[in-house]
N, C-alpha and C. Protein backbone atom coordinates (compact mmCIF):
# COMPACT_ATOMS: atom_id res chain seq x y z
N MET A 1 120.72 -60.99 0.72
CA MET A 1 121.72 -61.41 1.71
C MET A 1 122.34 -60.22 2.43
N ASN A 2 122.70 -59.19 1.65
CA ASN A 2 123.28 -57.99 2.26
C ASN A 2 122.34 -57.34 3.25
N GLU A 3 121.04 -57.40 2.96
CA GLU A 3 120.05 -56.78 3.84
C GLU A 3 120.05 -57.45 5.21
N LEU A 4 120.15 -58.78 5.24
CA LEU A 4 120.20 -59.51 6.52
C LEU A 4 121.50 -59.20 7.26
N LEU A 5 122.58 -59.15 6.52
CA LEU A 5 123.87 -58.80 7.14
C LEU A 5 123.84 -57.38 7.69
N PHE A 6 123.20 -56.48 6.97
CA PHE A 6 123.08 -55.09 7.39
C PHE A 6 122.32 -54.99 8.72
N LEU A 7 121.21 -55.73 8.83
CA LEU A 7 120.44 -55.74 10.06
C LEU A 7 121.26 -56.32 11.21
N SER A 8 121.93 -57.44 10.96
CA SER A 8 122.77 -58.06 11.98
C SER A 8 123.92 -57.15 12.39
N HIS A 9 124.53 -56.51 11.40
CA HIS A 9 125.63 -55.57 11.64
C HIS A 9 125.18 -54.45 12.57
N THR A 10 124.01 -53.89 12.29
CA THR A 10 123.47 -52.80 13.09
C THR A 10 123.20 -53.24 14.52
N LEU A 11 122.57 -54.40 14.68
CA LEU A 11 122.24 -54.91 16.01
C LEU A 11 123.49 -55.20 16.83
N VAL A 12 124.49 -55.80 16.19
CA VAL A 12 125.73 -56.11 16.90
C VAL A 12 126.43 -54.82 17.35
N ALA A 13 126.46 -53.82 16.47
CA ALA A 13 127.09 -52.55 16.82
C ALA A 13 126.38 -51.90 18.01
N ILE A 14 125.05 -51.93 18.02
CA ILE A 14 124.28 -51.33 19.12
C ILE A 14 124.54 -52.07 20.42
N VAL A 15 124.56 -53.40 20.37
CA VAL A 15 124.81 -54.20 21.57
C VAL A 15 126.18 -53.87 22.16
N PHE A 16 127.18 -53.73 21.31
CA PHE A 16 128.52 -53.39 21.81
C PHE A 16 128.56 -51.98 22.40
N VAL A 17 127.81 -51.06 21.82
CA VAL A 17 127.74 -49.70 22.37
C VAL A 17 127.12 -49.74 23.76
N LEU A 18 126.03 -50.49 23.92
CA LEU A 18 125.39 -50.60 25.23
C LEU A 18 126.29 -51.31 26.23
N GLY A 19 127.04 -52.31 25.75
CA GLY A 19 127.99 -52.98 26.62
C GLY A 19 129.07 -52.03 27.10
N ALA A 20 129.54 -51.17 26.21
CA ALA A 20 130.54 -50.17 26.59
C ALA A 20 129.97 -49.19 27.60
N LEU A 21 128.71 -48.82 27.43
CA LEU A 21 128.05 -47.92 28.38
C LEU A 21 128.03 -48.53 29.77
N ARG A 22 127.74 -49.81 29.87
CA ARG A 22 127.69 -50.47 31.17
C ARG A 22 129.08 -50.53 31.82
N LEU A 23 130.12 -50.58 30.99
CA LEU A 23 131.48 -50.63 31.53
C LEU A 23 131.96 -49.27 32.03
N GLY A 24 131.33 -48.20 31.53
CA GLY A 24 131.67 -46.88 32.02
C GLY A 24 132.20 -45.93 30.97
N LYS A 25 132.60 -44.75 31.42
CA LYS A 25 133.00 -43.67 30.51
C LYS A 25 134.19 -44.04 29.64
N SER A 26 135.21 -44.65 30.22
CA SER A 26 136.42 -44.96 29.46
C SER A 26 136.12 -45.91 28.30
N ALA A 27 135.29 -46.92 28.56
CA ALA A 27 134.93 -47.88 27.52
C ALA A 27 134.14 -47.21 26.41
N LEU A 28 133.26 -46.30 26.77
CA LEU A 28 132.44 -45.61 25.78
C LEU A 28 133.30 -44.68 24.91
N ILE A 29 134.26 -44.00 25.52
CA ILE A 29 135.17 -43.15 24.76
C ILE A 29 136.00 -44.00 23.79
N ALA A 30 136.48 -45.14 24.27
CA ALA A 30 137.24 -46.05 23.41
C ALA A 30 136.40 -46.52 22.24
N MET A 31 135.12 -46.81 22.49
CA MET A 31 134.22 -47.25 21.43
C MET A 31 134.01 -46.15 20.39
N ILE A 32 133.89 -44.91 20.83
CA ILE A 32 133.71 -43.79 19.90
C ILE A 32 134.93 -43.65 18.99
N ALA A 33 136.12 -43.71 19.59
CA ALA A 33 137.35 -43.58 18.81
C ALA A 33 137.50 -44.73 17.82
N LEU A 34 137.20 -45.94 18.27
CA LEU A 34 137.31 -47.11 17.39
C LEU A 34 136.34 -47.03 16.23
N GLN A 35 135.12 -46.60 16.50
CA GLN A 35 134.13 -46.49 15.42
C GLN A 35 134.51 -45.42 14.42
N GLY A 36 135.19 -44.38 14.88
CA GLY A 36 135.68 -43.37 13.95
C GLY A 36 136.70 -43.94 12.98
N VAL A 37 137.61 -44.76 13.50
CA VAL A 37 138.62 -45.40 12.65
C VAL A 37 137.95 -46.37 11.68
N LEU A 38 137.03 -47.19 12.18
CA LEU A 38 136.35 -48.17 11.32
C LEU A 38 135.53 -47.49 10.23
N ALA A 39 134.86 -46.40 10.58
CA ALA A 39 134.06 -45.68 9.58
C ALA A 39 134.94 -45.14 8.46
N ASN A 40 136.10 -44.62 8.81
CA ASN A 40 137.01 -44.08 7.80
C ASN A 40 137.71 -45.18 7.01
N LEU A 41 137.88 -46.34 7.61
CA LEU A 41 138.51 -47.46 6.91
C LEU A 41 137.57 -48.11 5.91
N PHE A 42 136.31 -48.28 6.30
CA PHE A 42 135.36 -49.01 5.47
C PHE A 42 134.58 -48.13 4.49
N VAL A 43 134.82 -46.82 4.53
CA VAL A 43 134.08 -45.93 3.64
C VAL A 43 134.44 -46.17 2.18
N VAL A 44 135.59 -46.79 1.93
CA VAL A 44 136.02 -47.01 0.54
C VAL A 44 135.36 -48.24 -0.08
N LYS A 45 134.70 -49.08 0.74
CA LYS A 45 134.03 -50.26 0.20
C LYS A 45 132.55 -49.96 -0.02
N GLN A 46 132.06 -50.30 -1.21
CA GLN A 46 130.65 -50.11 -1.53
C GLN A 46 129.96 -51.46 -1.64
N MET A 47 128.67 -51.45 -1.36
CA MET A 47 127.89 -52.69 -1.44
C MET A 47 126.49 -52.37 -1.93
N PRO A 48 125.82 -53.33 -2.58
CA PRO A 48 124.43 -53.12 -2.98
C PRO A 48 123.51 -53.37 -1.79
N LEU A 49 122.62 -52.44 -1.53
CA LEU A 49 121.67 -52.57 -0.42
C LEU A 49 120.33 -51.99 -0.84
N PHE A 50 119.31 -52.83 -0.86
CA PHE A 50 117.97 -52.43 -1.30
C PHE A 50 118.00 -51.81 -2.70
N GLY A 51 118.89 -52.33 -3.53
CA GLY A 51 118.95 -51.86 -4.91
C GLY A 51 119.81 -50.63 -5.12
N PHE A 52 120.45 -50.14 -4.06
CA PHE A 52 121.30 -48.95 -4.18
C PHE A 52 122.73 -49.29 -3.74
N ALA A 53 123.69 -48.53 -4.25
CA ALA A 53 125.08 -48.70 -3.85
C ALA A 53 125.37 -47.79 -2.66
N VAL A 54 125.78 -48.37 -1.55
CA VAL A 54 126.07 -47.61 -0.33
C VAL A 54 127.43 -48.05 0.21
N THR A 55 128.00 -47.25 1.09
CA THR A 55 129.27 -47.62 1.70
C THR A 55 129.02 -48.50 2.92
N CYS A 56 130.07 -49.17 3.35
CA CYS A 56 129.96 -50.06 4.52
C CYS A 56 130.22 -49.32 5.83
N SER A 57 130.29 -48.01 5.78
CA SER A 57 130.65 -47.24 6.98
C SER A 57 129.46 -46.60 7.68
N ASP A 58 128.28 -46.67 7.08
CA ASP A 58 127.13 -45.95 7.64
C ASP A 58 126.77 -46.42 9.05
N VAL A 59 126.85 -47.72 9.29
CA VAL A 59 126.53 -48.24 10.62
C VAL A 59 127.46 -47.64 11.67
N PHE A 60 128.75 -47.55 11.36
CA PHE A 60 129.71 -47.01 12.32
C PHE A 60 129.52 -45.51 12.52
N ALA A 61 129.12 -44.80 11.47
CA ALA A 61 128.88 -43.36 11.59
C ALA A 61 127.74 -43.09 12.56
N VAL A 62 126.65 -43.84 12.43
CA VAL A 62 125.50 -43.66 13.31
C VAL A 62 125.82 -44.14 14.72
N ALA A 63 126.46 -45.30 14.83
CA ALA A 63 126.79 -45.85 16.15
C ALA A 63 127.76 -44.95 16.90
N GLY A 64 128.64 -44.27 16.16
CA GLY A 64 129.57 -43.34 16.80
C GLY A 64 128.86 -42.16 17.44
N ILE A 65 127.89 -41.58 16.73
CA ILE A 65 127.12 -40.47 17.28
C ILE A 65 126.21 -40.95 18.41
N LEU A 66 125.65 -42.16 18.27
CA LEU A 66 124.85 -42.74 19.35
C LEU A 66 125.71 -42.86 20.61
N SER A 67 126.92 -43.36 20.46
CA SER A 67 127.83 -43.49 21.60
C SER A 67 128.15 -42.13 22.22
N LEU A 68 128.36 -41.14 21.37
CA LEU A 68 128.69 -39.79 21.85
C LEU A 68 127.53 -39.20 22.64
N ASN A 69 126.31 -39.39 22.17
CA ASN A 69 125.14 -38.86 22.87
C ASN A 69 124.90 -39.58 24.19
N LEU A 70 125.12 -40.89 24.21
CA LEU A 70 125.01 -41.64 25.47
C LEU A 70 126.06 -41.15 26.46
N LEU A 71 127.26 -40.90 25.97
CA LEU A 71 128.33 -40.39 26.83
C LEU A 71 127.95 -39.04 27.42
N GLN A 72 127.39 -38.16 26.61
CA GLN A 72 127.01 -36.84 27.09
C GLN A 72 125.84 -36.93 28.07
N GLU A 73 124.90 -37.81 27.81
CA GLU A 73 123.72 -37.96 28.67
C GLU A 73 124.10 -38.48 30.05
N TYR A 74 125.01 -39.46 30.11
CA TYR A 74 125.33 -40.11 31.38
C TYR A 74 126.56 -39.54 32.08
N PHE A 75 127.47 -38.92 31.32
CA PHE A 75 128.72 -38.46 31.93
C PHE A 75 129.01 -36.98 31.71
N GLY A 76 128.14 -36.28 30.98
CA GLY A 76 128.28 -34.85 30.84
C GLY A 76 128.94 -34.38 29.56
N LYS A 77 128.74 -33.09 29.27
CA LYS A 77 129.25 -32.49 28.04
C LYS A 77 130.78 -32.46 28.01
N LYS A 78 131.40 -32.27 29.17
CA LYS A 78 132.86 -32.23 29.23
C LYS A 78 133.46 -33.55 28.77
N SER A 79 132.84 -34.65 29.17
CA SER A 79 133.32 -35.97 28.76
C SER A 79 133.16 -36.16 27.26
N ALA A 80 132.05 -35.64 26.71
CA ALA A 80 131.82 -35.75 25.27
C ALA A 80 132.88 -34.97 24.49
N GLN A 81 133.23 -33.78 24.97
CA GLN A 81 134.27 -32.99 24.32
C GLN A 81 135.63 -33.70 24.39
N GLN A 82 135.88 -34.34 25.52
CA GLN A 82 137.12 -35.10 25.66
C GLN A 82 137.15 -36.26 24.66
N ALA A 83 136.01 -36.91 24.47
CA ALA A 83 135.93 -38.03 23.53
C ALA A 83 136.21 -37.57 22.10
N ILE A 84 135.73 -36.37 21.75
CA ILE A 84 135.97 -35.84 20.40
C ILE A 84 137.47 -35.62 20.17
N LYS A 85 138.15 -35.05 21.16
CA LYS A 85 139.59 -34.81 21.03
C LYS A 85 140.36 -36.13 20.90
N ILE A 86 139.97 -37.11 21.71
CA ILE A 86 140.63 -38.41 21.66
C ILE A 86 140.38 -39.08 20.31
N SER A 87 139.16 -38.97 19.81
CA SER A 87 138.81 -39.55 18.51
C SER A 87 139.61 -38.91 17.39
N LEU A 88 139.77 -37.58 17.46
CA LEU A 88 140.53 -36.88 16.42
C LEU A 88 141.99 -37.32 16.42
N ILE A 89 142.59 -37.41 17.62
CA ILE A 89 143.97 -37.87 17.72
C ILE A 89 144.10 -39.30 17.18
N THR A 90 143.14 -40.15 17.50
CA THR A 90 143.15 -41.53 17.04
C THR A 90 143.07 -41.61 15.52
N LEU A 91 142.19 -40.81 14.93
CA LEU A 91 142.04 -40.78 13.47
C LEU A 91 143.30 -40.29 12.78
N LEU A 92 143.89 -39.23 13.31
CA LEU A 92 145.12 -38.69 12.71
C LEU A 92 146.27 -39.70 12.83
N PHE A 93 146.35 -40.35 13.98
CA PHE A 93 147.38 -41.37 14.18
C PHE A 93 147.21 -42.51 13.17
N PHE A 94 145.98 -42.97 13.01
CA PHE A 94 145.71 -44.04 12.04
C PHE A 94 146.06 -43.61 10.62
N ALA A 95 145.70 -42.38 10.27
CA ALA A 95 145.97 -41.88 8.92
C ALA A 95 147.47 -41.83 8.63
N PHE A 96 148.24 -41.30 9.58
CA PHE A 96 149.69 -41.19 9.37
C PHE A 96 150.37 -42.56 9.41
N MET A 97 149.98 -43.40 10.37
CA MET A 97 150.63 -44.71 10.50
C MET A 97 150.33 -45.61 9.31
N SER A 98 149.12 -45.52 8.77
CA SER A 98 148.77 -46.35 7.62
C SER A 98 149.59 -45.96 6.39
N GLN A 99 149.86 -44.67 6.24
CA GLN A 99 150.67 -44.23 5.10
C GLN A 99 152.14 -44.61 5.28
N ILE A 100 152.64 -44.54 6.51
CA ILE A 100 154.01 -44.98 6.78
C ILE A 100 154.14 -46.48 6.52
N HIS A 101 153.12 -47.23 6.91
CA HIS A 101 153.11 -48.68 6.69
C HIS A 101 153.28 -49.02 5.21
N LEU A 102 152.69 -48.22 4.34
CA LEU A 102 152.76 -48.49 2.91
C LEU A 102 154.14 -48.20 2.33
N LEU A 103 154.95 -47.42 3.03
CA LEU A 103 156.28 -47.06 2.52
C LEU A 103 157.28 -48.20 2.66
N TYR A 104 157.02 -49.15 3.56
CA TYR A 104 157.94 -50.27 3.72
C TYR A 104 157.97 -51.12 2.46
N THR A 105 159.17 -51.52 2.06
CA THR A 105 159.32 -52.40 0.90
C THR A 105 159.08 -53.84 1.33
N PRO A 106 158.10 -54.52 0.73
CA PRO A 106 157.79 -55.89 1.14
C PRO A 106 158.83 -56.88 0.61
N THR A 107 158.89 -58.05 1.20
CA THR A 107 159.76 -59.10 0.70
C THR A 107 159.18 -59.69 -0.58
N LEU A 108 159.98 -60.44 -1.29
CA LEU A 108 159.52 -61.05 -2.54
C LEU A 108 158.42 -62.08 -2.29
N LEU A 109 158.39 -62.66 -1.09
CA LEU A 109 157.40 -63.68 -0.78
C LEU A 109 156.12 -63.09 -0.18
N ASP A 110 156.14 -61.81 0.14
CA ASP A 110 154.96 -61.18 0.75
C ASP A 110 153.79 -61.13 -0.23
N GLN A 111 152.60 -61.50 0.27
CA GLN A 111 151.40 -61.51 -0.57
C GLN A 111 150.33 -60.54 -0.08
N THR A 112 150.66 -59.74 0.91
CA THR A 112 149.65 -58.86 1.51
C THR A 112 149.81 -57.39 1.13
N HIS A 113 151.00 -57.00 0.66
CA HIS A 113 151.26 -55.58 0.42
C HIS A 113 150.27 -54.98 -0.58
N GLY A 114 149.98 -55.71 -1.65
CA GLY A 114 149.05 -55.20 -2.66
C GLY A 114 147.68 -54.92 -2.09
N ALA A 115 147.23 -55.80 -1.19
CA ALA A 115 145.92 -55.60 -0.56
C ALA A 115 145.94 -54.38 0.35
N PHE A 116 147.02 -54.22 1.11
CA PHE A 116 147.14 -53.04 1.97
C PHE A 116 147.16 -51.75 1.15
N VAL A 117 147.83 -51.78 0.01
CA VAL A 117 147.89 -50.60 -0.85
C VAL A 117 146.49 -50.22 -1.33
N LYS A 118 145.71 -51.21 -1.75
CA LYS A 118 144.37 -50.94 -2.25
C LYS A 118 143.46 -50.38 -1.15
N ILE A 119 143.63 -50.90 0.06
CA ILE A 119 142.74 -50.49 1.16
C ILE A 119 143.17 -49.15 1.75
N LEU A 120 144.46 -48.97 1.95
CA LEU A 120 144.95 -47.82 2.72
C LEU A 120 145.39 -46.63 1.88
N SER A 121 145.57 -46.83 0.57
CA SER A 121 146.04 -45.71 -0.26
C SER A 121 144.88 -44.90 -0.80
N THR A 122 143.97 -44.53 0.09
CA THR A 122 142.85 -43.68 -0.28
C THR A 122 143.38 -42.29 -0.63
N SER A 123 142.73 -41.63 -1.55
CA SER A 123 143.18 -40.29 -1.94
C SER A 123 143.18 -39.34 -0.75
N SER A 124 144.09 -38.37 -0.78
CA SER A 124 144.19 -37.41 0.31
C SER A 124 142.89 -36.64 0.50
N ARG A 125 142.15 -36.44 -0.59
CA ARG A 125 140.88 -35.72 -0.48
C ARG A 125 139.87 -36.51 0.35
N ILE A 126 139.79 -37.83 0.12
CA ILE A 126 138.87 -38.67 0.88
C ILE A 126 139.26 -38.70 2.35
N ILE A 127 140.56 -38.82 2.61
CA ILE A 127 141.04 -38.84 3.99
C ILE A 127 140.68 -37.54 4.70
N PHE A 128 140.95 -36.41 4.06
CA PHE A 128 140.63 -35.11 4.65
C PHE A 128 139.13 -34.98 4.87
N ALA A 129 138.34 -35.37 3.88
CA ALA A 129 136.88 -35.26 3.99
C ALA A 129 136.35 -36.10 5.13
N SER A 130 136.87 -37.31 5.29
CA SER A 130 136.41 -38.21 6.35
C SER A 130 136.72 -37.66 7.73
N ILE A 131 137.97 -37.24 7.93
CA ILE A 131 138.38 -36.74 9.24
C ILE A 131 137.69 -35.42 9.57
N ALA A 132 137.63 -34.51 8.59
CA ALA A 132 136.98 -33.21 8.82
C ALA A 132 135.50 -33.39 9.13
N THR A 133 134.84 -34.25 8.37
CA THR A 133 133.41 -34.49 8.60
C THR A 133 133.17 -35.09 9.96
N PHE A 134 133.96 -36.10 10.31
CA PHE A 134 133.82 -36.77 11.61
C PHE A 134 133.95 -35.76 12.75
N TYR A 135 134.98 -34.91 12.69
CA TYR A 135 135.23 -33.95 13.76
C TYR A 135 134.14 -32.88 13.84
N LEU A 136 133.78 -32.30 12.70
CA LEU A 136 132.78 -31.23 12.67
C LEU A 136 131.41 -31.72 13.11
N VAL A 137 131.03 -32.91 12.66
CA VAL A 137 129.71 -33.44 13.03
C VAL A 137 129.65 -33.74 14.52
N GLN A 138 130.72 -34.28 15.08
CA GLN A 138 130.73 -34.55 16.52
C GLN A 138 130.66 -33.26 17.33
N GLN A 139 131.38 -32.24 16.91
CA GLN A 139 131.31 -30.95 17.60
C GLN A 139 129.89 -30.38 17.53
N PHE A 140 129.29 -30.45 16.36
CA PHE A 140 127.92 -29.97 16.21
C PHE A 140 126.96 -30.76 17.08
N ASP A 141 127.11 -32.08 17.08
CA ASP A 141 126.18 -32.94 17.81
C ASP A 141 126.19 -32.65 19.30
N VAL A 142 127.37 -32.46 19.88
CA VAL A 142 127.46 -32.18 21.31
C VAL A 142 126.70 -30.91 21.66
N ARG A 143 126.87 -29.87 20.86
CA ARG A 143 126.20 -28.60 21.12
C ARG A 143 124.69 -28.69 20.85
N PHE A 144 124.33 -29.34 19.77
CA PHE A 144 122.92 -29.46 19.42
C PHE A 144 122.17 -30.31 20.43
N PHE A 145 122.78 -31.41 20.86
CA PHE A 145 122.14 -32.31 21.82
C PHE A 145 121.90 -31.61 23.14
N SER A 146 122.82 -30.73 23.55
CA SER A 146 122.67 -30.02 24.83
C SER A 146 121.54 -29.00 24.80
N LEU A 147 121.12 -28.58 23.60
CA LEU A 147 120.04 -27.60 23.47
C LEU A 147 118.66 -28.24 23.48
N LEU A 148 118.60 -29.54 23.20
CA LEU A 148 117.31 -30.21 23.09
C LEU A 148 116.71 -30.48 24.47
N ARG A 149 115.40 -30.46 24.53
CA ARG A 149 114.68 -30.75 25.76
C ARG A 149 113.64 -31.83 25.49
N GLY A 150 113.23 -32.50 26.57
CA GLY A 150 112.23 -33.54 26.41
C GLY A 150 112.77 -34.90 26.82
N ALA A 151 112.02 -35.95 26.52
CA ALA A 151 112.42 -37.31 26.87
C ALA A 151 113.70 -37.69 26.13
N PHE A 152 114.54 -38.47 26.81
CA PHE A 152 115.84 -38.82 26.24
C PHE A 152 115.75 -39.52 24.88
N PRO A 153 114.88 -40.53 24.71
CA PRO A 153 114.81 -41.19 23.39
C PRO A 153 114.47 -40.22 22.26
N LEU A 154 113.57 -39.26 22.53
CA LEU A 154 113.19 -38.29 21.50
C LEU A 154 114.35 -37.36 21.20
N ARG A 155 115.02 -36.86 22.25
CA ARG A 155 116.17 -35.98 22.05
C ARG A 155 117.27 -36.68 21.25
N LEU A 156 117.51 -37.93 21.60
CA LEU A 156 118.56 -38.68 20.93
C LEU A 156 118.23 -38.93 19.46
N THR A 157 116.98 -39.28 19.20
CA THR A 157 116.57 -39.54 17.82
C THR A 157 116.69 -38.29 16.96
N ILE A 158 116.22 -37.15 17.48
CA ILE A 158 116.32 -35.89 16.74
C ILE A 158 117.78 -35.54 16.48
N SER A 159 118.60 -35.69 17.51
CA SER A 159 120.02 -35.38 17.37
C SER A 159 120.70 -36.27 16.34
N LEU A 160 120.37 -37.56 16.36
CA LEU A 160 120.96 -38.50 15.41
C LEU A 160 120.57 -38.16 13.98
N VAL A 161 119.29 -37.87 13.77
CA VAL A 161 118.81 -37.58 12.42
C VAL A 161 119.48 -36.33 11.86
N VAL A 162 119.49 -35.26 12.66
CA VAL A 162 120.07 -34.00 12.19
C VAL A 162 121.58 -34.15 11.97
N SER A 163 122.26 -34.81 12.90
CA SER A 163 123.71 -34.98 12.79
C SER A 163 124.07 -35.83 11.58
N GLN A 164 123.29 -36.88 11.32
CA GLN A 164 123.59 -37.74 10.17
C GLN A 164 123.27 -37.05 8.84
N LEU A 165 122.30 -36.16 8.84
CA LEU A 165 122.04 -35.37 7.63
C LEU A 165 123.25 -34.48 7.35
N LEU A 166 123.76 -33.82 8.40
CA LEU A 166 124.94 -32.98 8.25
C LEU A 166 126.15 -33.81 7.82
N ASP A 167 126.31 -34.98 8.43
CA ASP A 167 127.42 -35.87 8.09
C ASP A 167 127.38 -36.27 6.62
N THR A 168 126.20 -36.63 6.14
CA THR A 168 126.05 -37.08 4.76
C THR A 168 126.33 -35.95 3.77
N VAL A 169 125.78 -34.78 4.05
CA VAL A 169 125.96 -33.64 3.14
C VAL A 169 127.43 -33.19 3.11
N LEU A 170 128.04 -33.09 4.29
CA LEU A 170 129.43 -32.64 4.37
C LEU A 170 130.37 -33.57 3.62
N PHE A 171 130.28 -34.87 3.92
CA PHE A 171 131.20 -35.81 3.29
C PHE A 171 130.96 -35.90 1.78
N SER A 172 129.71 -35.85 1.37
CA SER A 172 129.39 -35.95 -0.06
C SER A 172 130.01 -34.80 -0.84
N PHE A 173 129.94 -33.60 -0.29
CA PHE A 173 130.49 -32.44 -1.00
C PHE A 173 132.01 -32.33 -0.85
N LEU A 174 132.52 -32.61 0.36
CA LEU A 174 133.96 -32.51 0.56
C LEU A 174 134.73 -33.62 -0.15
N GLY A 175 134.16 -34.83 -0.14
CA GLY A 175 134.90 -35.96 -0.67
C GLY A 175 134.49 -36.45 -2.04
N LEU A 176 133.24 -36.19 -2.45
CA LEU A 176 132.74 -36.82 -3.67
C LEU A 176 132.32 -35.84 -4.76
N PHE A 177 132.15 -34.57 -4.43
CA PHE A 177 131.68 -33.61 -5.43
C PHE A 177 132.67 -33.52 -6.59
N GLY A 178 132.16 -33.68 -7.80
CA GLY A 178 133.01 -33.64 -8.98
C GLY A 178 133.55 -35.00 -9.38
N LEU A 179 133.39 -36.01 -8.48
CA LEU A 179 133.88 -37.36 -8.78
C LEU A 179 132.76 -38.31 -9.14
N VAL A 180 131.53 -37.96 -8.78
CA VAL A 180 130.38 -38.82 -9.06
C VAL A 180 129.38 -38.05 -9.91
N GLU A 181 128.48 -38.81 -10.54
CA GLU A 181 127.53 -38.19 -11.46
C GLU A 181 126.51 -37.34 -10.73
N SER A 182 125.99 -37.84 -9.61
CA SER A 182 124.95 -37.10 -8.88
C SER A 182 125.21 -37.18 -7.38
N VAL A 183 125.71 -36.09 -6.82
CA VAL A 183 125.93 -36.03 -5.37
C VAL A 183 124.60 -36.10 -4.63
N LEU A 184 123.56 -35.49 -5.20
CA LEU A 184 122.25 -35.47 -4.55
C LEU A 184 121.71 -36.88 -4.36
N ASP A 185 121.87 -37.74 -5.37
CA ASP A 185 121.41 -39.12 -5.25
C ASP A 185 122.12 -39.84 -4.11
N ILE A 186 123.42 -39.62 -4.00
CA ILE A 186 124.20 -40.25 -2.94
C ILE A 186 123.75 -39.76 -1.57
N ILE A 187 123.49 -38.46 -1.46
CA ILE A 187 123.04 -37.90 -0.19
C ILE A 187 121.70 -38.51 0.23
N VAL A 188 120.76 -38.57 -0.69
CA VAL A 188 119.42 -39.09 -0.38
C VAL A 188 119.49 -40.55 0.04
N VAL A 189 120.17 -41.38 -0.75
CA VAL A 189 120.24 -42.81 -0.45
C VAL A 189 120.96 -43.06 0.86
N SER A 190 122.11 -42.41 1.06
CA SER A 190 122.88 -42.61 2.28
C SER A 190 122.10 -42.16 3.51
N PHE A 191 121.40 -41.03 3.40
CA PHE A 191 120.63 -40.53 4.54
C PHE A 191 119.47 -41.44 4.88
N VAL A 192 118.81 -41.99 3.88
CA VAL A 192 117.71 -42.94 4.12
C VAL A 192 118.23 -44.17 4.85
N ILE A 193 119.37 -44.69 4.42
CA ILE A 193 119.97 -45.85 5.07
C ILE A 193 120.30 -45.54 6.53
N LYS A 194 120.85 -44.36 6.78
CA LYS A 194 121.19 -43.96 8.15
C LYS A 194 119.94 -43.81 9.01
N CYS A 195 118.86 -43.31 8.42
CA CYS A 195 117.60 -43.20 9.16
C CYS A 195 117.06 -44.57 9.53
N MET A 196 117.27 -45.55 8.66
CA MET A 196 116.87 -46.92 8.98
C MET A 196 117.65 -47.44 10.18
N ILE A 197 118.95 -47.15 10.21
CA ILE A 197 119.78 -47.56 11.34
C ILE A 197 119.30 -46.90 12.63
N ILE A 198 118.96 -45.62 12.54
CA ILE A 198 118.47 -44.88 13.71
C ILE A 198 117.16 -45.49 14.20
N ALA A 199 116.27 -45.85 13.27
CA ALA A 199 114.99 -46.45 13.64
C ALA A 199 115.20 -47.79 14.35
N ILE A 200 116.17 -48.56 13.88
CA ILE A 200 116.46 -49.85 14.52
C ILE A 200 117.01 -49.64 15.93
N SER A 201 117.79 -48.58 16.12
CA SER A 201 118.43 -48.35 17.42
C SER A 201 117.50 -47.73 18.45
N SER A 202 116.39 -47.13 18.02
CA SER A 202 115.50 -46.40 18.93
C SER A 202 115.00 -47.23 20.11
N PRO A 203 114.51 -48.48 19.89
CA PRO A 203 114.05 -49.27 21.04
C PRO A 203 115.16 -49.53 22.06
N PHE A 204 116.38 -49.66 21.60
CA PHE A 204 117.50 -49.91 22.51
C PHE A 204 117.81 -48.67 23.33
N VAL A 205 117.58 -47.50 22.75
CA VAL A 205 117.79 -46.24 23.47
C VAL A 205 116.80 -46.14 24.63
N ALA A 206 115.54 -46.48 24.37
CA ALA A 206 114.53 -46.47 25.43
C ALA A 206 114.92 -47.46 26.53
N PHE A 207 115.53 -48.57 26.13
CA PHE A 207 115.97 -49.59 27.08
C PHE A 207 117.01 -49.02 28.05
N THR A 208 117.91 -48.18 27.57
CA THR A 208 118.97 -47.67 28.43
C THR A 208 118.42 -46.84 29.58
N LYS A 209 117.40 -46.05 29.32
CA LYS A 209 116.84 -45.20 30.37
C LYS A 209 116.10 -46.00 31.43
N ARG A 210 115.59 -47.16 31.05
CA ARG A 210 114.84 -47.97 32.00
C ARG A 210 115.74 -48.89 32.81
N TYR A 211 116.79 -49.40 32.20
CA TYR A 211 117.58 -50.44 32.84
C TYR A 211 119.02 -50.03 33.17
N VAL A 212 119.47 -48.91 32.61
CA VAL A 212 120.84 -48.46 32.89
C VAL A 212 120.78 -47.30 33.88
N LYS A 213 121.44 -47.45 34.99
CA LYS A 213 121.41 -46.43 36.03
C LYS A 213 122.49 -45.38 35.77
N HIS A 214 122.32 -44.23 36.40
CA HIS A 214 123.29 -43.14 36.21
C HIS A 214 124.57 -43.35 37.02
N ASP A 215 124.54 -44.24 38.01
CA ASP A 215 125.75 -44.47 38.81
C ASP A 215 126.64 -45.50 38.13
N LEU A 216 127.05 -45.17 36.91
CA LEU A 216 127.91 -46.06 36.13
C LEU A 216 129.37 -45.84 36.50
N PRO A 217 130.22 -46.86 36.32
CA PRO A 217 131.65 -46.66 36.59
C PRO A 217 132.25 -45.64 35.63
N VAL A 218 133.15 -44.82 36.15
CA VAL A 218 133.78 -43.79 35.32
C VAL A 218 134.98 -44.38 34.58
């Protein structure tokens, strides 16, 4: 069941990314920032997938870099750098506001505070690892993508694979090293899952070059 949901989740995320691209630069930047927040929010939930335990944030991590590369391809490197800054501000705002939210004393009849505590009271190490990884990987991706040459689908696929490898290694060591039995196992499984997401998204990337024009709204 999770496998079917995973496929549907990936397809829906890609469709929304392409929809944001058609709406223009502002929509794509908003999508990047939102996916950063969702990836950091859902990273604490694990699920069984193909016999392995993975987090629910992998789809958003890949879709975020896909959105960033589409933004750079159609609107330039300057726009991509702007998106990274906006995403960082959005992530920091979410991190601070979520912790302030937990400080409020709930009423005696409130039934949601316990759930919010479980979801939002992630350890400071995980929060730092998520935000640092997100920012560093996006900075790397913008520079690496600009160095690649060749057809757009190939450049995008290479950039996604390399960036997601860096993302997986960074977060695993910054956030999980010393807390899990085998960091290497987590890196391998998570990276394989991300490569599957990239493979699913590849046909849609080819679609953008054929049907999406460069004269998109800004």
